[in-house]
All heavy atoms as atom14 arrays in JSON, in Angstrom:
{
  "sequence": "VCADPVVILESRLDFSKYVPNGFGTGDCLIIAEPVLDVIDLK",
  "atom14_mask": [
    [1, 1, 1, 1, 1, 1, 1, 0, 0, 0, 0, 0, 0, 0],
    [1, 1, 1, 1, 1, 1, 0, 0, 0, 0, 0, 0, 0, 0],
    [1, 1, 1, 1, 1, 0, 0, 0, 0, 0, 0, 0, 0, 0],
    [1, 1, 1, 1, 1, 1, 1, 1, 0, 0, 0, 0, 0, 0],
    [1, 1, 1, 1, 1, 1, 1, 0, 0, 0, 0, 0, 0, 0],
    [1, 1, 1, 1, 1, 1, 1, 0, 0, 0, 0, 0, 0, 0],
    [1, 1, 1, 1, 1, 1, 1, 0, 0, 0, 0, 0, 0, 0],
    [1, 1, 1, 1, 1, 1, 1, 1, 0, 0, 0, 0, 0, 0],
    [1, 1, 1, 1, 1, 1, 1, 1, 0, 0, 0, 0, 0, 0],
    [1, 1, 1, 1, 1, 1, 1, 1, 1, 0, 0, 0, 0, 0],
    [1, 1, 1, 1, 1, 1, 0, 0, 0, 0, 0, 0, 0, 0],
    [1, 1, 1, 1, 1, 1, 1, 1, 1, 1, 1, 0, 0, 0],
    [1, 1, 1, 1, 1, 1, 1, 1, 0, 0, 0, 0, 0, 0],
    [1, 1, 1, 1, 1, 1, 1, 1, 0, 0, 0, 0, 0, 0],
    [1, 1, 1, 1, 1, 1, 1, 1, 1, 1, 1, 0, 0, 0],
    [1, 1, 1, 1, 1, 1, 0, 0, 0, 0, 0, 0, 0, 0],
    [1, 1, 1, 1, 1, 1, 1, 1, 1, 0, 0, 0, 0, 0],
    [1, 1, 1, 1, 1, 1, 1, 1, 1, 1, 1, 1, 0, 0],
    [1, 1, 1, 1, 1, 1, 1, 0, 0, 0, 0, 0, 0, 0],
    [1, 1, 1, 1, 1, 1, 1, 0, 0, 0, 0, 0, 0, 0],
    [1, 1, 1, 1, 1, 1, 1, 1, 0, 0, 0, 0, 0, 0],
    [1, 1, 1, 1, 0, 0, 0, 0, 0, 0, 0, 0, 0, 0],
    [1, 1, 1, 1, 1, 1, 1, 1, 1, 1, 1, 0, 0, 0],
    [1, 1, 1, 1, 0, 0, 0, 0, 0, 0, 0, 0, 0, 0],
    [1, 1, 1, 1, 1, 1, 1, 0, 0, 0, 0, 0, 0, 0],
    [1, 1, 1, 1, 0, 0, 0, 0, 0, 0, 0, 0, 0, 0],
    [1, 1, 1, 1, 1, 1, 1, 1, 0, 0, 0, 0, 0, 0],
    [1, 1, 1, 1, 1, 1, 0, 0, 0, 0, 0, 0, 0, 0],
    [1, 1, 1, 1, 1, 1, 1, 1, 0, 0, 0, 0, 0, 0],
    [1, 1, 1, 1, 1, 1, 1, 1, 0, 0, 0, 0, 0, 0],
    [1, 1, 1, 1, 1, 1, 1, 1, 0, 0, 0, 0, 0, 0],
    [1, 1, 1, 1, 1, 0, 0, 0, 0, 0, 0, 0, 0, 0],
    [1, 1, 1, 1, 1, 1, 1, 1, 1, 0, 0, 0, 0, 0],
    [1, 1, 1, 1, 1, 1, 1, 0, 0, 0, 0, 0, 0, 0],
    [1, 1, 1, 1, 1, 1, 1, 0, 0, 0, 0, 0, 0, 0],
    [1, 1, 1, 1, 1, 1, 1, 1, 0, 0, 0, 0, 0, 0],
    [1, 1, 1, 1, 1, 1, 1, 1, 0, 0, 0, 0, 0, 0],
    [1, 1, 1, 1, 1, 1, 1, 0, 0, 0, 0, 0, 0, 0],
    [1, 1, 1, 1, 1, 1, 1, 1, 0, 0, 0, 0, 0, 0],
    [1, 1, 1, 1, 1, 1, 1, 1, 0, 0, 0, 0, 0, 0],
    [1, 1, 1, 1, 1, 1, 1, 1, 0, 0, 0, 0, 0, 0],
    [1, 1, 1, 1, 1, 1, 1, 1, 1, 0, 0, 0, 0, 0]
  ],
  "atom14_positions": [
    [[-41.24, -52.32, 134.03], [-39.99, -52.85, 133.47], [-38.76, -52.1, 133.98], [-37.63, -52.52, 133.74], [-40.0, -52.79, 131.93], [-41.09, -53.69, 131.37], [-40.18, -51.36, 131.43], [0.0, 0.0, 0.0], [0.0, 0.0, 0.0], [0.0, 0.0, 0.0], [0.0, 0.0, 0.0], [0.0, 0.0, 0.0], [0.0, 0.0, 0.0], [0.0, 0.0, 0.0]],
    [[-39.01, -50.98, 134.67], [-37.88, -50.17, 135.15], [-38.24, -49.6, 136.51], [-39.31, -49.0, 136.68], [-37.58, -49.05, 134.15], [-36.25, -47.94, 134.65], [0.0, 0.0, 0.0], [0.0, 0.0, 0.0], [0.0, 0.0, 0.0], [0.0, 0.0, 0.0], [0.0, 0.0, 0.0], [0.0, 0.0, 0.0], [0.0, 0.0, 0.0], [0.0, 0.0, 0.0]],
    [[-37.37, -49.76, 137.49], [-37.67, -49.32, 138.85], [-37.71, -47.8, 138.99], [-38.44, -47.28, 139.83], [-36.63, -49.91, 139.81], [0.0, 0.0, 0.0], [0.0, 0.0, 0.0], [0.0, 0.0, 0.0], [0.0, 0.0, 0.0], [0.0, 0.0, 0.0], [0.0, 0.0, 0.0], [0.0, 0.0, 0.0], [0.0, 0.0, 0.0], [0.0, 0.0, 0.0]],
    [[-36.93, -47.11, 138.19], [-36.85, -45.66, 138.34], [-36.91, -44.94, 136.99], [-35.92, -44.34, 136.55], [-35.56, -45.28, 139.08], [-34.33, -45.87, 138.42], [-34.48, -46.72, 137.51], [-33.2, -45.47, 138.79], [0.0, 0.0, 0.0], [0.0, 0.0, 0.0], [0.0, 0.0, 0.0], [0.0, 0.0, 0.0], [0.0, 0.0, 0.0], [0.0, 0.0, 0.0]],
    [[-38.05, -45.0, 136.3], [-38.18, -44.31, 135.02], [-38.07, -42.79, 135.19], [-38.37, -42.25, 136.27], [-39.57, -44.71, 134.53], [-40.32, -45.04, 135.77], [-39.32, -45.65, 136.69], [0.0, 0.0, 0.0], [0.0, 0.0, 0.0], [0.0, 0.0, 0.0], [0.0, 0.0, 0.0], [0.0, 0.0, 0.0], [0.0, 0.0, 0.0], [0.0, 0.0, 0.0]],
    [[-37.64, -42.13, 134.14], [-37.46, -40.68, 134.16], [-38.49, -40.05, 133.23], [-38.69, -40.5, 132.1], [-36.04, -40.29, 133.7], [-35.87, -38.78, 133.69], [-34.99, -40.94, 134.6], [0.0, 0.0, 0.0], [0.0, 0.0, 0.0], [0.0, 0.0, 0.0], [0.0, 0.0, 0.0], [0.0, 0.0, 0.0], [0.0, 0.0, 0.0], [0.0, 0.0, 0.0]],
    [[-39.17, -39.0, 133.73], [-40.15, -38.27, 132.92], [-39.63, -36.86, 132.69], [-39.24, -36.16, 133.64], [-41.52, -38.19, 133.61], [-42.52, -37.47, 132.71], [-42.02, -39.58, 133.95], [0.0, 0.0, 0.0], [0.0, 0.0, 0.0], [0.0, 0.0, 0.0], [0.0, 0.0, 0.0], [0.0, 0.0, 0.0], [0.0, 0.0, 0.0], [0.0, 0.0, 0.0]],
    [[-39.61, -36.43, 131.44], [-39.16, -35.08, 131.08], [-40.24, -34.41, 130.25], [-40.65, -34.94, 129.2], [-37.84, -35.1, 130.28], [-36.77, -35.91, 131.02], [-37.35, -33.68, 130.02], [-36.56, -37.29, 130.48], [0.0, 0.0, 0.0], [0.0, 0.0, 0.0], [0.0, 0.0, 0.0], [0.0, 0.0, 0.0], [0.0, 0.0, 0.0], [0.0, 0.0, 0.0]],
    [[-40.7, -33.26, 130.72], [-41.73, -32.51, 130.01], [-41.12, -31.3, 129.31], [-40.25, -30.63, 129.86], [-42.83, -32.04, 130.97], [-43.57, -33.12, 131.74], [-44.6, -32.47, 132.67], [-44.26, -34.1, 130.8], [0.0, 0.0, 0.0], [0.0, 0.0, 0.0], [0.0, 0.0, 0.0], [0.0, 0.0, 0.0], [0.0, 0.0, 0.0], [0.0, 0.0, 0.0]],
    [[-41.61, -31.0, 128.12], [-41.23, -29.8, 127.38], [-39.72, -29.64, 127.3], [-39.13, -28.67, 127.78], [-41.87, -28.56, 128.02], [-43.37, -28.56, 127.98], [-43.93, -28.58, 126.55], [-43.43, -27.82, 125.69], [-44.86, -29.37, 126.3], [0.0, 0.0, 0.0], [0.0, 0.0, 0.0], [0.0, 0.0, 0.0], [0.0, 0.0, 0.0], [0.0, 0.0, 0.0]],
    [[-39.06, -30.58, 126.66], [-37.6, -30.54, 126.53], [-37.2, -30.15, 125.11], [-37.84, -30.54, 124.13], [-37.0, -31.9, 126.88], [-37.54, -32.91, 126.05], [0.0, 0.0, 0.0], [0.0, 0.0, 0.0], [0.0, 0.0, 0.0], [0.0, 0.0, 0.0], [0.0, 0.0, 0.0], [0.0, 0.0, 0.0], [0.0, 0.0, 0.0], [0.0, 0.0, 0.0]],
    [[-36.14, -29.36, 125.0], [-35.6, -28.98, 123.71], [-34.85, -30.17, 123.13], [-33.97, -30.74, 123.77], [-34.66, -27.79, 123.85], [-34.1, -27.29, 122.5], [-33.09, -26.17, 122.76], [-32.43, -25.76, 121.54], [-32.83, -24.78, 120.74], [-33.93, -24.1, 121.05], [-32.16, -24.45, 119.66], [0.0, 0.0, 0.0], [0.0, 0.0, 0.0], [0.0, 0.0, 0.0]],
    [[-35.2, -30.54, 121.91], [-34.61, -31.71, 121.28], [-33.84, -31.28, 120.04], [-34.38, -30.66, 119.13], [-35.71, -32.71, 120.89], [-36.56, -33.22, 122.06], [-37.67, -34.13, 121.55], [-35.7, -33.95, 123.09], [0.0, 0.0, 0.0], [0.0, 0.0, 0.0], [0.0, 0.0, 0.0], [0.0, 0.0, 0.0], [0.0, 0.0, 0.0], [0.0, 0.0, 0.0]],
    [[-32.57, -31.61, 120.02], [-31.66, -31.22, 118.94], [-31.44, -32.43, 118.02], [-30.88, -33.43, 118.44], [-30.35, -30.75, 119.56], [-29.32, -30.3, 118.52], [-29.5, -30.61, 117.33], [-28.34, -29.65, 118.92], [0.0, 0.0, 0.0], [0.0, 0.0, 0.0], [0.0, 0.0, 0.0], [0.0, 0.0, 0.0], [0.0, 0.0, 0.0], [0.0, 0.0, 0.0]],
    [[-31.91, -32.32, 116.78], [-31.68, -33.4, 115.82], [-30.82, -32.9, 114.65], [-30.93, -33.37, 113.52], [-33.01, -33.99, 115.32], [-34.06, -32.98, 114.95], [-34.09, -32.41, 113.68], [-35.03, -32.61, 115.86], [-35.06, -31.49, 113.34], [-36.0, -31.68, 115.54], [-36.03, -31.12, 114.27], [0.0, 0.0, 0.0], [0.0, 0.0, 0.0], [0.0, 0.0, 0.0]],
    [[-29.93, -31.93, 114.95], [-29.11, -31.31, 113.92], [-28.06, -32.26, 113.34], [-27.45, -31.95, 112.31], [-28.42, -30.06, 114.47], [-27.61, -30.37, 115.6], [0.0, 0.0, 0.0], [0.0, 0.0, 0.0], [0.0, 0.0, 0.0], [0.0, 0.0, 0.0], [0.0, 0.0, 0.0], [0.0, 0.0, 0.0], [0.0, 0.0, 0.0], [0.0, 0.0, 0.0]],
    [[-27.84, -33.39, 113.97], [-26.93, -34.39, 113.41], [-27.47, -34.91, 112.08], [-26.7, -35.32, 111.21], [-26.75, -35.55, 114.39], [-25.82, -36.65, 113.89], [-25.65, -37.75, 114.92], [-24.74, -38.85, 114.39], [-24.58, -39.95, 115.39], [0.0, 0.0, 0.0], [0.0, 0.0, 0.0], [0.0, 0.0, 0.0], [0.0, 0.0, 0.0], [0.0, 0.0, 0.0]],
    [[-28.77, -34.84, 111.92], [-29.42, -35.37, 110.72], [-30.03, -34.28, 109.84], [-30.13, -34.44, 108.63], [-30.51, -36.37, 111.13], [-30.01, -37.41, 112.09], [-30.17, -37.27, 113.47], [-29.33, -38.53, 111.62], [-29.68, -38.21, 114.36], [-28.84, -39.48, 112.51], [-29.01, -39.31, 113.87], [-28.5, -40.24, 114.75], [0.0, 0.0, 0.0], [0.0, 0.0, 0.0]],
    [[-30.45, -33.19, 110.48], [-31.11, -32.08, 109.78], [-30.39, -30.8, 110.15], [-30.31, -30.46, 111.34], [-32.6, -31.97, 110.2], [-33.26, -30.76, 109.55], [-33.34, -33.25, 109.83], [0.0, 0.0, 0.0], [0.0, 0.0, 0.0], [0.0, 0.0, 0.0], [0.0, 0.0, 0.0], [0.0, 0.0, 0.0], [0.0, 0.0, 0.0], [0.0, 0.0, 0.0]],
    [[-29.83, -30.06, 109.19], [-29.06, -28.86, 109.53], [-29.83, -27.9, 110.44], [-30.95, -27.5, 110.14], [-28.79, -28.22, 108.16], [-28.8, -29.37, 107.2], [-29.86, -30.3, 107.73], [0.0, 0.0, 0.0], [0.0, 0.0, 0.0], [0.0, 0.0, 0.0], [0.0, 0.0, 0.0], [0.0, 0.0, 0.0], [0.0, 0.0, 0.0], [0.0, 0.0, 0.0]],
    [[-29.22, -27.57, 111.56], [-29.79, -26.65, 112.55], [-31.17, -27.11, 113.04], [-31.98, -26.29, 113.49], [-29.91, -25.23, 111.98], [-28.57, -24.62, 111.67], [-27.53, -25.09, 112.13], [-28.55, -23.55, 110.88], [0.0, 0.0, 0.0], [0.0, 0.0, 0.0], [0.0, 0.0, 0.0], [0.0, 0.0, 0.0], [0.0, 0.0, 0.0], [0.0, 0.0, 0.0]],
    [[-31.42, -28.39, 112.99], [-32.73, -28.91, 113.36], [-32.91, -29.06, 114.86], [-32.07, -29.63, 115.56], [0.0, 0.0, 0.0], [0.0, 0.0, 0.0], [0.0, 0.0, 0.0], [0.0, 0.0, 0.0], [0.0, 0.0, 0.0], [0.0, 0.0, 0.0], [0.0, 0.0, 0.0], [0.0, 0.0, 0.0], [0.0, 0.0, 0.0], [0.0, 0.0, 0.0]],
    [[-34.01, -28.51, 115.36], [-34.36, -28.67, 116.78], [-35.87, -28.49, 116.93], [-36.55, -27.97, 116.04], [-33.62, -27.66, 117.66], [-33.98, -26.23, 117.38], [-35.03, -25.62, 118.05], [-33.29, -25.49, 116.45], [-35.38, -24.3, 117.8], [-33.62, -24.17, 116.18], [-34.67, -23.57, 116.86], [0.0, 0.0, 0.0], [0.0, 0.0, 0.0], [0.0, 0.0, 0.0]],
    [[-36.37, -28.93, 118.05], [-37.8, -28.78, 118.34], [-38.04, -29.02, 119.81], [-37.1, -29.15, 120.61], [0.0, 0.0, 0.0], [0.0, 0.0, 0.0], [0.0, 0.0, 0.0], [0.0, 0.0, 0.0], [0.0, 0.0, 0.0], [0.0, 0.0, 0.0], [0.0, 0.0, 0.0], [0.0, 0.0, 0.0], [0.0, 0.0, 0.0], [0.0, 0.0, 0.0]],
    [[-39.3, -29.07, 120.2], [-39.67, -29.27, 121.6], [-40.48, -30.54, 121.75], [-41.51, -30.71, 121.09], [-40.48, -28.07, 122.13], [-39.71, -26.88, 122.0], [-40.84, -28.28, 123.6], [0.0, 0.0, 0.0], [0.0, 0.0, 0.0], [0.0, 0.0, 0.0], [0.0, 0.0, 0.0], [0.0, 0.0, 0.0], [0.0, 0.0, 0.0], [0.0, 0.0, 0.0]],
    [[-40.01, -31.42, 122.63], [-40.74, -32.65, 122.9], [-41.71, -32.44, 124.05], [-41.31, -31.96, 125.11], [0.0, 0.0, 0.0], [0.0, 0.0, 0.0], [0.0, 0.0, 0.0], [0.0, 0.0, 0.0], [0.0, 0.0, 0.0], [0.0, 0.0, 0.0], [0.0, 0.0, 0.0], [0.0, 0.0, 0.0], [0.0, 0.0, 0.0], [0.0, 0.0, 0.0]],
    [[-42.97, -32.78, 123.85], [-43.97, -32.57, 124.9], [-43.69, -33.43, 126.13], [-43.76, -32.97, 127.26], [-45.37, -32.86, 124.36], [-45.82, -31.84, 123.33], [-45.31, -30.7, 123.36], [-46.67, -32.19, 122.49], [0.0, 0.0, 0.0], [0.0, 0.0, 0.0], [0.0, 0.0, 0.0], [0.0, 0.0, 0.0], [0.0, 0.0, 0.0], [0.0, 0.0, 0.0]],
    [[-43.37, -34.7, 125.89], [-43.1, -35.59, 127.03], [-42.2, -36.74, 126.6], [-42.42, -37.36, 125.55], [-44.41, -36.16, 127.59], [-44.17, -37.3, 128.97], [0.0, 0.0, 0.0], [0.0, 0.0, 0.0], [0.0, 0.0, 0.0], [0.0, 0.0, 0.0], [0.0, 0.0, 0.0], [0.0, 0.0, 0.0], [0.0, 0.0, 0.0], [0.0, 0.0, 0.0]],
    [[-41.21, -37.0, 127.4], [-40.33, -38.16, 127.22], [-40.39, -38.99, 128.49], [-40.41, -38.46, 129.6], [-38.88, -37.73, 126.97], [-38.59, -36.75, 125.85], [-37.1, -36.41, 125.83], [-39.02, -37.31, 124.51], [0.0, 0.0, 0.0], [0.0, 0.0, 0.0], [0.0, 0.0, 0.0], [0.0, 0.0, 0.0], [0.0, 0.0, 0.0], [0.0, 0.0, 0.0]],
    [[-40.43, -40.31, 128.31], [-40.33, -41.22, 129.45], [-39.22, -42.21, 129.13], [-39.29, -42.92, 128.12], [-41.65, -41.97, 129.7], [-42.78, -40.99, 130.01], [-41.48, -42.96, 130.86], [-44.14, -41.66, 130.18], [0.0, 0.0, 0.0], [0.0, 0.0, 0.0], [0.0, 0.0, 0.0], [0.0, 0.0, 0.0], [0.0, 0.0, 0.0], [0.0, 0.0, 0.0]],
    [[-38.22, -42.24, 129.97], [-37.1, -43.16, 129.77], [-37.18, -44.25, 130.82], [-37.09, -43.99, 132.02], [-35.75, -42.42, 129.88], [-35.71, -41.25, 128.9], [-34.6, -43.39, 129.59], [-34.5, -40.35, 129.07], [0.0, 0.0, 0.0], [0.0, 0.0, 0.0], [0.0, 0.0, 0.0], [0.0, 0.0, 0.0], [0.0, 0.0, 0.0], [0.0, 0.0, 0.0]],
    [[-37.38, -45.45, 130.33], [-37.47, -46.62, 131.21], [-36.7, -47.74, 130.52], [-37.26, -48.46, 129.69], [-38.91, -47.02, 131.46], [0.0, 0.0, 0.0], [0.0, 0.0, 0.0], [0.0, 0.0, 0.0], [0.0, 0.0, 0.0], [0.0, 0.0, 0.0], [0.0, 0.0, 0.0], [0.0, 0.0, 0.0], [0.0, 0.0, 0.0], [0.0, 0.0, 0.0]],
    [[-35.43, -47.83, 130.84], [-34.59, -48.81, 130.16], [-35.28, -50.17, 130.05], [-35.81, -50.66, 131.04], [-33.27, -48.97, 130.92], [-32.5, -47.67, 131.11], [-31.31, -47.84, 132.02], [-30.54, -48.81, 131.82], [-31.18, -47.04, 132.96], [0.0, 0.0, 0.0], [0.0, 0.0, 0.0], [0.0, 0.0, 0.0], [0.0, 0.0, 0.0], [0.0, 0.0, 0.0]],
    [[-35.35, -50.72, 128.83], [-34.64, -50.32, 127.61], [-35.49, -49.49, 126.63], [-35.16, -49.42, 125.45], [-34.32, -51.68, 126.99], [-35.54, -52.5, 127.32], [-35.98, -52.03, 128.69], [0.0, 0.0, 0.0], [0.0, 0.0, 0.0], [0.0, 0.0, 0.0], [0.0, 0.0, 0.0], [0.0, 0.0, 0.0], [0.0, 0.0, 0.0], [0.0, 0.0, 0.0]],
    [[-36.56, -48.86, 127.12], [-37.51, -48.18, 126.23], [-37.5, -46.66, 126.45], [-37.44, -46.2, 127.6], [-38.95, -48.72, 126.45], [-39.92, -48.02, 125.51], [-39.0, -50.22, 126.23], [0.0, 0.0, 0.0], [0.0, 0.0, 0.0], [0.0, 0.0, 0.0], [0.0, 0.0, 0.0], [0.0, 0.0, 0.0], [0.0, 0.0, 0.0], [0.0, 0.0, 0.0]],
    [[-37.57, -45.94, 125.36], [-37.74, -44.49, 125.39], [-39.09, -44.17, 124.76], [-39.34, -44.51, 123.6], [-36.62, -43.81, 124.59], [-36.83, -42.35, 124.2], [-36.88, -41.46, 125.43], [-35.73, -41.88, 123.25], [0.0, 0.0, 0.0], [0.0, 0.0, 0.0], [0.0, 0.0, 0.0], [0.0, 0.0, 0.0], [0.0, 0.0, 0.0], [0.0, 0.0, 0.0]],
    [[-39.96, -43.54, 125.54], [-41.26, -43.07, 125.03], [-41.14, -41.61, 124.6], [-40.57, -40.79, 125.33], [-42.34, -43.15, 126.12], [-42.92, -44.55, 126.27], [-42.42, -45.47, 125.62], [-43.88, -44.7, 127.05], [0.0, 0.0, 0.0], [0.0, 0.0, 0.0], [0.0, 0.0, 0.0], [0.0, 0.0, 0.0], [0.0, 0.0, 0.0], [0.0, 0.0, 0.0]],
    [[-41.68, -41.31, 123.43], [-41.78, -39.92, 122.97], [-43.26, -39.66, 122.71], [-43.88, -40.31, 121.87], [-40.97, -39.69, 121.67], [-41.09, -38.24, 121.22], [-39.51, -40.07, 121.88], [0.0, 0.0, 0.0], [0.0, 0.0, 0.0], [0.0, 0.0, 0.0], [0.0, 0.0, 0.0], [0.0, 0.0, 0.0], [0.0, 0.0, 0.0], [0.0, 0.0, 0.0]],
    [[-43.83, -38.73, 123.48], [-45.28, -38.48, 123.42], [-45.54, -37.06, 122.95], [-44.96, -36.11, 123.48], [-45.93, -38.72, 124.8], [-45.64, -40.15, 125.28], [-47.43, -38.46, 124.74], [-46.02, -40.41, 126.72], [0.0, 0.0, 0.0], [0.0, 0.0, 0.0], [0.0, 0.0, 0.0], [0.0, 0.0, 0.0], [0.0, 0.0, 0.0], [0.0, 0.0, 0.0]],
    [[-46.4, -36.92, 121.96], [-46.7, -35.6, 121.4], [-48.2, -35.33, 121.53], [-49.02, -36.16, 121.13], [-46.28, -35.54, 119.93], [-46.31, -34.13, 119.38], [-45.72, -33.23, 119.99], [-46.93, -33.91, 118.31], [0.0, 0.0, 0.0], [0.0, 0.0, 0.0], [0.0, 0.0, 0.0], [0.0, 0.0, 0.0], [0.0, 0.0, 0.0], [0.0, 0.0, 0.0]],
    [[-48.52, -34.17, 122.07], [-49.91, -33.76, 122.21], [-50.34, -32.99, 120.97], [-49.69, -32.04, 120.56], [-50.08, -32.87, 123.44], [-51.43, -32.17, 123.61], [-52.54, -33.19, 123.83], [-51.37, -31.17, 124.76], [0.0, 0.0, 0.0], [0.0, 0.0, 0.0], [0.0, 0.0, 0.0], [0.0, 0.0, 0.0], [0.0, 0.0, 0.0], [0.0, 0.0, 0.0]],
    [[-51.44, -33.43, 120.37], [-52.05, -32.72, 119.24], [-53.43, -32.25, 119.7], [-54.3, -33.07, 119.97], [-52.18, -33.64, 118.02], [-50.87, -34.2, 117.48], [-50.01, -33.14, 116.86], [-48.79, -33.76, 116.18], [-47.85, -32.71, 115.73], [0.0, 0.0, 0.0], [0.0, 0.0, 0.0], [0.0, 0.0, 0.0], [0.0, 0.0, 0.0], [0.0, 0.0, 0.0]]
  ]
}
């Protein structure tokens, strides 16, 4: 669906707009307009 999707591994994610001082680490993100994948390894 997207010619040039972007893959980001182990990125710092800031969600402090919703949770005070909230941040964490995303294992894998894939951005392929119009979809954003968020993948977590357990």
